[in-house]
All heavy atoms as atom14 arrays in JSON, in Angstrom:
{
  "sequence": "PPRTTALKDKEATPAPAFLGGAESSLTFSVGPDVSPVA",
  "atom14_mask": [
    [1, 1, 1, 1, 1, 1, 1, 0, 0, 0, 0, 0, 0, 0],
    [1, 1, 1, 1, 1, 1, 1, 0, 0, 0, 0, 0, 0, 0],
    [1, 1, 1, 1, 1, 1, 1, 1, 1, 1, 1, 0, 0, 0],
    [1, 1, 1, 1, 1, 1, 1, 0, 0, 0, 0, 0, 0, 0],
    [1, 1, 1, 1, 1, 1, 1, 0, 0, 0, 0, 0, 0, 0],
    [1, 1, 1, 1, 1, 0, 0, 0, 0, 0, 0, 0, 0, 0],
    [1, 1, 1, 1, 1, 1, 1, 1, 0, 0, 0, 0, 0, 0],
    [1, 1, 1, 1, 1, 1, 1, 1, 1, 0, 0, 0, 0, 0],
    [1, 1, 1, 1, 1, 1, 1, 1, 0, 0, 0, 0, 0, 0],
    [1, 1, 1, 1, 1, 1, 1, 1, 1, 0, 0, 0, 0, 0],
    [1, 1, 1, 1, 1, 1, 1, 1, 1, 0, 0, 0, 0, 0],
    [1, 1, 1, 1, 1, 0, 0, 0, 0, 0, 0, 0, 0, 0],
    [1, 1, 1, 1, 1, 1, 1, 0, 0, 0, 0, 0, 0, 0],
    [1, 1, 1, 1, 1, 1, 1, 0, 0, 0, 0, 0, 0, 0],
    [1, 1, 1, 1, 1, 0, 0, 0, 0, 0, 0, 0, 0, 0],
    [1, 1, 1, 1, 1, 1, 1, 0, 0, 0, 0, 0, 0, 0],
    [1, 1, 1, 1, 1, 0, 0, 0, 0, 0, 0, 0, 0, 0],
    [1, 1, 1, 1, 1, 1, 1, 1, 1, 1, 1, 0, 0, 0],
    [1, 1, 1, 1, 1, 1, 1, 1, 0, 0, 0, 0, 0, 0],
    [1, 1, 1, 1, 0, 0, 0, 0, 0, 0, 0, 0, 0, 0],
    [1, 1, 1, 1, 0, 0, 0, 0, 0, 0, 0, 0, 0, 0],
    [1, 1, 1, 1, 1, 0, 0, 0, 0, 0, 0, 0, 0, 0],
    [1, 1, 1, 1, 1, 1, 1, 1, 1, 0, 0, 0, 0, 0],
    [1, 1, 1, 1, 1, 1, 0, 0, 0, 0, 0, 0, 0, 0],
    [1, 1, 1, 1, 1, 1, 0, 0, 0, 0, 0, 0, 0, 0],
    [1, 1, 1, 1, 1, 1, 1, 1, 0, 0, 0, 0, 0, 0],
    [1, 1, 1, 1, 1, 1, 1, 0, 0, 0, 0, 0, 0, 0],
    [1, 1, 1, 1, 1, 1, 1, 1, 1, 1, 1, 0, 0, 0],
    [1, 1, 1, 1, 1, 1, 0, 0, 0, 0, 0, 0, 0, 0],
    [1, 1, 1, 1, 1, 1, 1, 0, 0, 0, 0, 0, 0, 0],
    [1, 1, 1, 1, 0, 0, 0, 0, 0, 0, 0, 0, 0, 0],
    [1, 1, 1, 1, 1, 1, 1, 0, 0, 0, 0, 0, 0, 0],
    [1, 1, 1, 1, 1, 1, 1, 1, 0, 0, 0, 0, 0, 0],
    [1, 1, 1, 1, 1, 1, 1, 0, 0, 0, 0, 0, 0, 0],
    [1, 1, 1, 1, 1, 1, 0, 0, 0, 0, 0, 0, 0, 0],
    [1, 1, 1, 1, 1, 1, 1, 0, 0, 0, 0, 0, 0, 0],
    [1, 1, 1, 1, 1, 1, 1, 0, 0, 0, 0, 0, 0, 0],
    [1, 1, 1, 1, 1, 0, 0, 0, 0, 0, 0, 0, 0, 0]
  ],
  "atom14_positions": [
    [[59.99, 10.19, 36.75], [60.99, 10.12, 37.8], [62.37, 10.21, 37.18], [62.51, 9.93, 36.0], [60.79, 8.75, 38.43], [59.59, 8.15, 37.8], [59.24, 8.96, 36.61], [0.0, 0.0, 0.0], [0.0, 0.0, 0.0], [0.0, 0.0, 0.0], [0.0, 0.0, 0.0], [0.0, 0.0, 0.0], [0.0, 0.0, 0.0], [0.0, 0.0, 0.0]],
    [[63.38, 10.54, 37.86], [63.34, 10.84, 39.27], [63.23, 12.34, 39.52], [63.56, 13.13, 38.66], [64.69, 10.34, 39.75], [65.59, 10.64, 38.59], [64.75, 10.43, 37.36], [0.0, 0.0, 0.0], [0.0, 0.0, 0.0], [0.0, 0.0, 0.0], [0.0, 0.0, 0.0], [0.0, 0.0, 0.0], [0.0, 0.0, 0.0], [0.0, 0.0, 0.0]],
    [[62.77, 12.67, 40.65], [62.83, 14.04, 41.15], [63.97, 14.07, 42.14], [64.03, 13.26, 43.05], [61.53, 14.42, 41.88], [60.36, 14.49, 40.97], [60.48, 15.71, 40.13], [59.28, 15.85, 39.33], [59.14, 16.78, 38.44], [60.09, 17.64, 38.22], [58.05, 16.86, 37.74], [0.0, 0.0, 0.0], [0.0, 0.0, 0.0], [0.0, 0.0, 0.0]],
    [[64.87, 14.99, 41.97], [66.01, 15.04, 42.88], [65.57, 15.57, 44.25], [64.66, 16.35, 44.37], [67.14, 15.91, 42.31], [68.24, 15.85, 43.2], [66.74, 17.35, 42.12], [0.0, 0.0, 0.0], [0.0, 0.0, 0.0], [0.0, 0.0, 0.0], [0.0, 0.0, 0.0], [0.0, 0.0, 0.0], [0.0, 0.0, 0.0], [0.0, 0.0, 0.0]],
    [[66.24, 15.09, 45.27], [65.96, 15.55, 46.64], [67.1, 16.4, 47.17], [67.09, 16.78, 48.33], [65.77, 14.34, 47.58], [66.95, 13.53, 47.51], [64.56, 13.52, 47.18], [0.0, 0.0, 0.0], [0.0, 0.0, 0.0], [0.0, 0.0, 0.0], [0.0, 0.0, 0.0], [0.0, 0.0, 0.0], [0.0, 0.0, 0.0], [0.0, 0.0, 0.0]],
    [[68.07, 16.71, 46.34], [69.27, 17.41, 46.79], [68.99, 18.81, 47.29], [69.75, 19.35, 48.06], [70.29, 17.48, 45.66], [0.0, 0.0, 0.0], [0.0, 0.0, 0.0], [0.0, 0.0, 0.0], [0.0, 0.0, 0.0], [0.0, 0.0, 0.0], [0.0, 0.0, 0.0], [0.0, 0.0, 0.0], [0.0, 0.0, 0.0], [0.0, 0.0, 0.0]],
    [[67.87, 19.42, 46.9], [67.65, 20.81, 47.25], [66.87, 21.02, 48.54], [66.5, 22.12, 48.86], [66.89, 21.51, 46.13], [67.79, 22.04, 45.03], [67.01, 22.96, 44.13], [68.99, 22.75, 45.56], [0.0, 0.0, 0.0], [0.0, 0.0, 0.0], [0.0, 0.0, 0.0], [0.0, 0.0, 0.0], [0.0, 0.0, 0.0], [0.0, 0.0, 0.0]],
    [[66.67, 19.99, 49.32], [65.92, 20.17, 50.56], [66.55, 21.23, 51.47], [65.86, 21.94, 52.15], [65.82, 18.84, 51.31], [64.86, 17.89, 50.67], [64.73, 16.63, 51.47], [63.73, 15.71, 50.84], [63.61, 14.45, 51.53], [0.0, 0.0, 0.0], [0.0, 0.0, 0.0], [0.0, 0.0, 0.0], [0.0, 0.0, 0.0], [0.0, 0.0, 0.0]],
    [[67.89, 21.31, 51.45], [68.57, 22.26, 52.31], [69.07, 23.5, 51.58], [69.74, 24.32, 52.15], [69.77, 21.58, 52.98], [69.35, 20.39, 53.8], [68.26, 20.45, 54.4], [70.1, 19.41, 53.84], [0.0, 0.0, 0.0], [0.0, 0.0, 0.0], [0.0, 0.0, 0.0], [0.0, 0.0, 0.0], [0.0, 0.0, 0.0], [0.0, 0.0, 0.0]],
    [[68.72, 23.62, 50.31], [69.2, 24.76, 49.52], [68.03, 25.57, 49.01], [66.93, 25.09, 48.89], [70.02, 24.25, 48.33], [71.25, 23.47, 48.72], [71.97, 22.99, 47.49], [73.16, 22.12, 47.86], [73.81, 21.58, 46.68], [0.0, 0.0, 0.0], [0.0, 0.0, 0.0], [0.0, 0.0, 0.0], [0.0, 0.0, 0.0], [0.0, 0.0, 0.0]],
    [[68.32, 26.81, 48.66], [67.29, 27.67, 48.08], [67.23, 27.41, 46.57], [68.22, 27.5, 45.87], [67.66, 29.12, 48.34], [66.62, 30.09, 47.86], [66.99, 31.52, 48.24], [67.42, 31.74, 49.37], [66.85, 32.38, 47.37], [0.0, 0.0, 0.0], [0.0, 0.0, 0.0], [0.0, 0.0, 0.0], [0.0, 0.0, 0.0], [0.0, 0.0, 0.0]],
    [[66.07, 27.04, 46.07], [65.91, 26.72, 44.65], [65.7, 27.98, 43.83], [65.04, 28.91, 44.27], [64.72, 25.78, 44.45], [0.0, 0.0, 0.0], [0.0, 0.0, 0.0], [0.0, 0.0, 0.0], [0.0, 0.0, 0.0], [0.0, 0.0, 0.0], [0.0, 0.0, 0.0], [0.0, 0.0, 0.0], [0.0, 0.0, 0.0], [0.0, 0.0, 0.0]],
    [[66.27, 28.0, 42.65], [66.02, 29.06, 41.69], [64.77, 28.68, 40.92], [64.66, 27.56, 40.45], [67.2, 29.19, 40.71], [68.39, 29.38, 41.45], [66.99, 30.32, 39.74], [0.0, 0.0, 0.0], [0.0, 0.0, 0.0], [0.0, 0.0, 0.0], [0.0, 0.0, 0.0], [0.0, 0.0, 0.0], [0.0, 0.0, 0.0], [0.0, 0.0, 0.0]],
    [[63.8, 29.58, 40.8], [62.58, 29.2, 40.08], [62.85, 28.98, 38.6], [63.82, 29.49, 38.05], [61.66, 30.42, 40.29], [62.58, 31.54, 40.61], [63.78, 30.94, 41.28], [0.0, 0.0, 0.0], [0.0, 0.0, 0.0], [0.0, 0.0, 0.0], [0.0, 0.0, 0.0], [0.0, 0.0, 0.0], [0.0, 0.0, 0.0], [0.0, 0.0, 0.0]],
    [[61.98, 28.2, 37.97], [62.09, 27.97, 36.52], [61.89, 29.31, 35.82], [61.26, 30.21, 36.34], [61.03, 26.97, 36.08], [0.0, 0.0, 0.0], [0.0, 0.0, 0.0], [0.0, 0.0, 0.0], [0.0, 0.0, 0.0], [0.0, 0.0, 0.0], [0.0, 0.0, 0.0], [0.0, 0.0, 0.0], [0.0, 0.0, 0.0], [0.0, 0.0, 0.0]],
    [[62.45, 29.45, 34.62], [62.27, 30.7, 33.87], [60.79, 31.04, 33.71], [59.95, 30.16, 33.58], [62.91, 30.38, 32.52], [63.87, 29.27, 32.79], [63.26, 28.48, 33.92], [0.0, 0.0, 0.0], [0.0, 0.0, 0.0], [0.0, 0.0, 0.0], [0.0, 0.0, 0.0], [0.0, 0.0, 0.0], [0.0, 0.0, 0.0], [0.0, 0.0, 0.0]],
    [[60.51, 32.33, 33.7], [59.12, 32.8, 33.67], [58.34, 32.28, 32.46], [57.16, 31.97, 32.57], [59.09, 34.32, 33.69], [0.0, 0.0, 0.0], [0.0, 0.0, 0.0], [0.0, 0.0, 0.0], [0.0, 0.0, 0.0], [0.0, 0.0, 0.0], [0.0, 0.0, 0.0], [0.0, 0.0, 0.0], [0.0, 0.0, 0.0], [0.0, 0.0, 0.0]],
    [[59.01, 32.15, 31.29], [58.28, 31.71, 30.11], [57.76, 30.28, 30.24], [56.91, 29.85, 29.5], [59.12, 31.86, 28.85], [60.22, 30.84, 28.7], [59.98, 29.64, 28.05], [61.49, 31.09, 29.2], [61.0, 28.71, 27.91], [62.49, 30.17, 29.06], [62.25, 28.97, 28.41], [0.0, 0.0, 0.0], [0.0, 0.0, 0.0], [0.0, 0.0, 0.0]],
    [[58.3, 29.54, 31.21], [57.84, 28.16, 31.42], [56.65, 28.09, 32.36], [56.06, 27.03, 32.52], [58.97, 27.3, 31.97], [60.15, 27.08, 31.04], [61.22, 26.28, 31.75], [59.72, 26.39, 29.77], [0.0, 0.0, 0.0], [0.0, 0.0, 0.0], [0.0, 0.0, 0.0], [0.0, 0.0, 0.0], [0.0, 0.0, 0.0], [0.0, 0.0, 0.0]],
    [[56.33, 29.18, 33.0], [55.21, 29.17, 33.93], [55.4, 28.19, 35.07], [54.45, 27.59, 35.55], [0.0, 0.0, 0.0], [0.0, 0.0, 0.0], [0.0, 0.0, 0.0], [0.0, 0.0, 0.0], [0.0, 0.0, 0.0], [0.0, 0.0, 0.0], [0.0, 0.0, 0.0], [0.0, 0.0, 0.0], [0.0, 0.0, 0.0], [0.0, 0.0, 0.0]],
    [[56.64, 28.0, 35.53], [56.92, 27.11, 36.63], [57.1, 25.66, 36.22], [57.38, 24.82, 37.04], [0.0, 0.0, 0.0], [0.0, 0.0, 0.0], [0.0, 0.0, 0.0], [0.0, 0.0, 0.0], [0.0, 0.0, 0.0], [0.0, 0.0, 0.0], [0.0, 0.0, 0.0], [0.0, 0.0, 0.0], [0.0, 0.0, 0.0], [0.0, 0.0, 0.0]],
    [[56.93, 25.34, 34.96], [57.09, 23.96, 34.5], [58.56, 23.7, 34.19], [59.35, 24.62, 34.08], [56.26, 23.74, 33.24], [0.0, 0.0, 0.0], [0.0, 0.0, 0.0], [0.0, 0.0, 0.0], [0.0, 0.0, 0.0], [0.0, 0.0, 0.0], [0.0, 0.0, 0.0], [0.0, 0.0, 0.0], [0.0, 0.0, 0.0], [0.0, 0.0, 0.0]],
    [[58.9, 22.44, 34.04], [60.26, 22.11, 33.68], [60.39, 22.0, 32.17], [59.42, 21.77, 31.46], [60.69, 20.81, 34.34], [60.05, 19.59, 33.77], [60.49, 18.32, 34.47], [61.0, 18.39, 35.59], [60.3, 17.27, 33.87], [0.0, 0.0, 0.0], [0.0, 0.0, 0.0], [0.0, 0.0, 0.0], [0.0, 0.0, 0.0], [0.0, 0.0, 0.0]],
    [[61.6, 22.2, 31.69], [61.91, 22.01, 30.29], [62.6, 20.67, 30.15], [63.42, 20.31, 30.99], [62.87, 23.1, 29.81], [62.27, 24.35, 29.9], [0.0, 0.0, 0.0], [0.0, 0.0, 0.0], [0.0, 0.0, 0.0], [0.0, 0.0, 0.0], [0.0, 0.0, 0.0], [0.0, 0.0, 0.0], [0.0, 0.0, 0.0], [0.0, 0.0, 0.0]],
    [[62.27, 19.92, 29.11], [62.9, 18.62, 28.97], [63.08, 18.23, 27.51], [62.37, 18.72, 26.63], [62.09, 17.55, 29.69], [60.84, 17.36, 29.07], [0.0, 0.0, 0.0], [0.0, 0.0, 0.0], [0.0, 0.0, 0.0], [0.0, 0.0, 0.0], [0.0, 0.0, 0.0], [0.0, 0.0, 0.0], [0.0, 0.0, 0.0], [0.0, 0.0, 0.0]],
    [[64.04, 17.37, 27.3], [64.3, 16.77, 26.0], [64.34, 15.27, 26.22], [65.05, 14.8, 27.1], [65.65, 17.26, 25.46], [66.13, 16.53, 24.21], [66.03, 17.47, 23.03], [67.54, 16.08, 24.39], [0.0, 0.0, 0.0], [0.0, 0.0, 0.0], [0.0, 0.0, 0.0], [0.0, 0.0, 0.0], [0.0, 0.0, 0.0], [0.0, 0.0, 0.0]],
    [[63.56, 14.53, 25.47], [63.52, 13.08, 25.56], [64.02, 12.53, 24.24], [63.66, 13.03, 23.18], [62.08, 12.6, 25.82], [61.59, 13.24, 27.0], [62.03, 11.1, 26.02], [0.0, 0.0, 0.0], [0.0, 0.0, 0.0], [0.0, 0.0, 0.0], [0.0, 0.0, 0.0], [0.0, 0.0, 0.0], [0.0, 0.0, 0.0], [0.0, 0.0, 0.0]],
    [[64.86, 11.51, 24.31], [65.39, 10.93, 23.09], [65.42, 9.41, 23.17], [65.38, 8.83, 24.25], [66.79, 11.47, 22.77], [67.82, 11.17, 23.84], [68.57, 10.0, 23.8], [68.04, 12.06, 24.87], [69.53, 9.73, 24.77], [68.99, 11.81, 25.85], [69.73, 10.63, 25.8], [0.0, 0.0, 0.0], [0.0, 0.0, 0.0], [0.0, 0.0, 0.0]],
    [[65.47, 8.79, 22.0], [65.56, 7.34, 21.88], [66.54, 7.03, 20.77], [66.49, 7.64, 19.7], [64.17, 6.76, 21.54], [64.26, 5.38, 21.28], [0.0, 0.0, 0.0], [0.0, 0.0, 0.0], [0.0, 0.0, 0.0], [0.0, 0.0, 0.0], [0.0, 0.0, 0.0], [0.0, 0.0, 0.0], [0.0, 0.0, 0.0], [0.0, 0.0, 0.0]],
    [[67.44, 6.1, 21.02], [68.43, 5.68, 20.04], [68.19, 4.21, 19.74], [68.1, 3.4, 20.66], [69.87, 5.9, 20.55], [70.89, 5.45, 19.52], [70.09, 7.35, 20.94], [0.0, 0.0, 0.0], [0.0, 0.0, 0.0], [0.0, 0.0, 0.0], [0.0, 0.0, 0.0], [0.0, 0.0, 0.0], [0.0, 0.0, 0.0], [0.0, 0.0, 0.0]],
    [[68.08, 3.88, 18.47], [67.75, 2.52, 18.05], [68.83, 1.49, 18.32], [69.98, 1.83, 18.63], [0.0, 0.0, 0.0], [0.0, 0.0, 0.0], [0.0, 0.0, 0.0], [0.0, 0.0, 0.0], [0.0, 0.0, 0.0], [0.0, 0.0, 0.0], [0.0, 0.0, 0.0], [0.0, 0.0, 0.0], [0.0, 0.0, 0.0], [0.0, 0.0, 0.0]],
    [[68.48, 0.23, 18.15], [69.38, -0.88, 18.47], [70.57, -1.02, 17.53], [71.58, -1.6, 17.89], [68.48, -2.11, 18.38], [67.38, -1.72, 17.47], [67.18, -0.24, 17.69], [0.0, 0.0, 0.0], [0.0, 0.0, 0.0], [0.0, 0.0, 0.0], [0.0, 0.0, 0.0], [0.0, 0.0, 0.0], [0.0, 0.0, 0.0], [0.0, 0.0, 0.0]],
    [[70.48, -0.46, 16.34], [71.55, -0.6, 15.36], [72.65, 0.46, 15.5], [73.6, 0.48, 14.73], [70.98, -0.56, 13.94], [70.19, 0.72, 13.68], [69.68, 1.31, 14.65], [70.08, 1.12, 12.5], [0.0, 0.0, 0.0], [0.0, 0.0, 0.0], [0.0, 0.0, 0.0], [0.0, 0.0, 0.0], [0.0, 0.0, 0.0], [0.0, 0.0, 0.0]],
    [[72.55, 1.3, 16.49], [73.49, 2.4, 16.68], [74.58, 1.99, 17.68], [74.28, 1.48, 18.76], [72.75, 3.66, 17.19], [73.71, 4.8, 17.43], [71.68, 4.07, 16.18], [0.0, 0.0, 0.0], [0.0, 0.0, 0.0], [0.0, 0.0, 0.0], [0.0, 0.0, 0.0], [0.0, 0.0, 0.0], [0.0, 0.0, 0.0], [0.0, 0.0, 0.0]],
    [[75.83, 2.21, 17.31], [76.96, 1.87, 18.18], [76.99, 2.79, 19.4], [76.42, 3.9, 19.36], [78.28, 2.01, 17.42], [78.58, 3.38, 17.2], [0.0, 0.0, 0.0], [0.0, 0.0, 0.0], [0.0, 0.0, 0.0], [0.0, 0.0, 0.0], [0.0, 0.0, 0.0], [0.0, 0.0, 0.0], [0.0, 0.0, 0.0], [0.0, 0.0, 0.0]],
    [[77.67, 2.37, 20.48], [77.79, 3.26, 21.65], [78.39, 4.63, 21.31], [77.93, 5.65, 21.81], [78.68, 2.47, 22.61], [78.38, 1.04, 22.28], [78.2, 1.04, 20.77], [0.0, 0.0, 0.0], [0.0, 0.0, 0.0], [0.0, 0.0, 0.0], [0.0, 0.0, 0.0], [0.0, 0.0, 0.0], [0.0, 0.0, 0.0], [0.0, 0.0, 0.0]],
    [[79.39, 4.67, 20.45], [80.01, 5.95, 20.08], [79.02, 6.83, 19.34], [78.88, 8.02, 19.63], [81.29, 5.72, 19.24], [81.81, 7.03, 18.66], [82.36, 5.04, 20.07], [0.0, 0.0, 0.0], [0.0, 0.0, 0.0], [0.0, 0.0, 0.0], [0.0, 0.0, 0.0], [0.0, 0.0, 0.0], [0.0, 0.0, 0.0], [0.0, 0.0, 0.0]],
    [[78.29, 6.25, 18.39], [77.29, 7.02, 17.64], [76.16, 7.46, 18.56], [75.63, 8.57, 18.41], [76.75, 6.21, 16.47], [0.0, 0.0, 0.0], [0.0, 0.0, 0.0], [0.0, 0.0, 0.0], [0.0, 0.0, 0.0], [0.0, 0.0, 0.0], [0.0, 0.0, 0.0], [0.0, 0.0, 0.0], [0.0, 0.0, 0.0], [0.0, 0.0, 0.0]]
  ]
}
C-alpha cells in the first residue's frame, strides 16, 4: 500500500511495455545511525 485513487476520473497511461503491466519500484532502508541530512 498505498494504491492511489486519484486516477478514477482520469485516463491512465499504461506502464512501459518492458514491465508487462507491472510497476517499477525502489525500496530503501536507512539505519538508525544516519542523520536526517545524510
